[in-house]
Amino acid sequence: MTDEQSRSKPSVSVGAGPSVYPRSIRGAIDPGSKAGTCDVKLALPVPPNEQAPHTQDEIYVIARGRGVLLHDGKRDSFEAGDLLFVAAGIEHRFEAFTEDFAIWRVFYGAEGGEIPA
């Protein structure tokens, strides 16, 4: 992709505030993409955030906002710029997150996770 092409492609913004695309890949990823076992999606969770355990390992990149990830009996605070990992089969959800909360959700790897429980 040329510099001119990347400048002409609009960035994706969610509500007010800066783009949620990481600067290094802007224009190279669609808000919902899948390649092989990798499934990438831009998500805007809303309360209450109820989730079922997933069959693949999962990475969250916090694009905007802050909150708490409840997982495996633990509570971890997070903010924009953080990267979170949730292993396949683990119950988890987001709590106490801000209204501007936006994440990149990445499922990857084999069903059951990279390292079986």
Protein backbone atom coordinates (compact mmCIF):
# COMPACT_ATOMS: atom_id res chain seq x y z
CA MET A 1 0.00 0.00 0.00
CA THR A 2 1.40 3.38 -0.96
CA ASP A 3 1.47 6.38 1.38
CA GLU A 4 -1.18 8.02 -0.79
CA GLN A 5 -3.48 4.97 -0.51
CA SER A 6 -3.13 4.78 3.27
CA ARG A 7 -3.86 8.50 3.63
CA SER A 8 -6.97 8.21 1.46
CA LYS A 9 -8.49 5.36 3.47
CA PRO A 10 -10.51 6.79 6.38
CA SER A 11 -9.67 5.66 9.88
CA VAL A 12 -12.42 4.15 12.00
CA SER A 13 -13.48 6.21 14.98
CA VAL A 14 -16.03 5.22 17.57
CA GLY A 15 -17.89 8.15 19.06
CA ALA A 16 -15.84 11.16 20.07
CA GLY A 17 -12.14 10.82 20.49
CA PRO A 18 -9.18 9.47 18.58
CA SER A 19 -9.21 6.62 16.10
CA VAL A 20 -9.20 3.16 17.65
CA TYR A 21 -6.85 1.83 14.97
CA PRO A 22 -3.28 1.33 16.20
CA ARG A 23 -1.05 3.73 14.24
CA SER A 24 1.21 0.96 12.94
CA ILE A 25 -1.57 -0.95 11.17
CA ARG A 26 -4.07 1.79 10.26
CA GLY A 27 -5.60 0.94 6.91
CA ALA A 28 -4.32 -2.65 6.99
CA ILE A 29 -7.03 -4.23 9.16
CA ASP A 30 -10.78 -4.15 8.76
CA PRO A 31 -12.92 -3.88 11.93
CA GLY A 32 -13.80 -7.59 11.53
CA SER A 33 -11.19 -9.84 9.88
CA LYS A 34 -10.46 -13.55 9.86
CA ALA A 35 -7.41 -15.40 8.52
CA GLY A 36 -6.81 -19.05 9.38
CA THR A 37 -7.45 -19.47 13.11
CA CYS A 38 -7.06 -15.74 13.79
CA ASP A 39 -10.31 -13.78 14.16
CA VAL A 40 -9.98 -10.02 14.85
CA LYS A 41 -12.87 -7.76 15.77
CA LEU A 42 -13.28 -4.22 17.04
CA ALA A 43 -15.76 -4.40 19.94
CA LEU A 44 -17.65 -1.86 22.04
CA PRO A 45 -18.86 -3.79 25.10
CA VAL A 46 -21.94 -2.52 26.93
CA PRO A 47 -23.01 -3.36 30.48
CA PRO A 48 -23.79 -5.90 31.68
CA ASN A 49 -20.96 -7.71 29.92
CA GLU A 50 -21.93 -11.39 30.17
CA GLN A 51 -19.74 -13.82 28.24
CA ALA A 52 -19.54 -17.58 27.91
CA PRO A 53 -16.10 -19.21 27.97
CA HIS A 54 -14.60 -19.31 24.47
CA THR A 55 -13.10 -22.32 22.68
CA GLN A 56 -9.96 -20.45 21.54
CA ASP A 57 -7.35 -18.40 23.37
CA GLU A 58 -8.16 -14.71 23.31
CA ILE A 59 -6.22 -11.46 23.40
CA TYR A 60 -7.77 -8.07 24.09
CA VAL A 61 -6.00 -4.85 23.15
CA ILE A 62 -7.57 -1.96 25.01
CA ALA A 63 -8.00 0.80 22.43
CA ARG A 64 -9.85 3.26 24.64
CA GLY A 65 -11.22 3.53 28.17
CA ARG A 66 -10.53 1.61 31.37
CA GLY A 67 -12.19 -0.96 33.60
CA VAL A 68 -11.75 -4.31 35.31
CA LEU A 69 -11.38 -7.78 33.79
CA LEU A 70 -12.86 -10.51 35.99
CA HIS A 71 -11.27 -13.85 35.03
CA ASP A 72 -10.45 -17.14 36.68
CA GLY A 73 -11.42 -15.73 40.11
CA LYS A 74 -9.16 -12.66 39.69
CA ARG A 75 -9.88 -8.98 39.09
CA ASP A 76 -7.36 -7.03 37.01
CA SER A 77 -7.66 -3.31 36.27
CA PHE A 78 -6.83 -2.18 32.73
CA GLU A 79 -6.59 1.01 30.68
CA ALA A 80 -5.99 2.10 27.10
CA GLY A 81 -2.82 0.56 25.69
CA ASP A 82 -2.97 -2.60 27.83
CA LEU A 83 -2.95 -6.10 26.34
CA LEU A 84 -4.95 -8.80 28.14
CA PHE A 85 -4.86 -12.58 27.66
CA VAL A 86 -7.69 -15.01 28.47
CA ALA A 87 -7.04 -18.73 27.94
CA ALA A 88 -9.63 -20.88 26.17
CA GLY A 89 -12.36 -22.18 28.49
CA ILE A 90 -11.88 -19.51 31.19
CA GLU A 91 -14.96 -17.66 32.44
CA HIS A 92 -14.44 -13.91 32.14
CA ARG A 93 -16.18 -10.57 31.73
CA PHE A 94 -15.53 -6.85 31.83
CA GLU A 95 -16.82 -4.78 34.76
CA ALA A 96 -16.78 -1.14 35.83
CA PHE A 97 -15.68 0.04 32.39
CA THR A 98 -15.94 3.58 31.08
CA GLU A 99 -18.50 4.71 28.49
CA ASP A 100 -15.77 5.17 25.85
CA PHE A 101 -14.52 1.55 26.25
CA ALA A 102 -13.31 0.07 22.94
CA ILE A 103 -11.25 -3.09 22.42
CA TRP A 104 -9.66 -5.13 19.70
CA ARG A 105 -10.62 -8.77 20.37
CA VAL A 106 -8.39 -11.45 18.86
CA PHE A 107 -9.26 -15.16 18.93
CA TYR A 108 -6.45 -17.42 17.74
CA GLY A 109 -5.06 -20.94 17.77
CA ALA A 110 -6.49 -24.40 18.12
CA GLU A 111 -9.86 -25.20 19.67
CA GLY A 112 -9.21 -25.77 23.37
CA GLY A 113 -6.29 -23.33 23.41
CA GLU A 114 -2.60 -23.47 22.63
CA ILE A 115 -1.83 -25.21 25.92
CA PRO A 116 -4.62 -27.56 27.04
CA ALA A 117 -5.78 -27.05 30.63
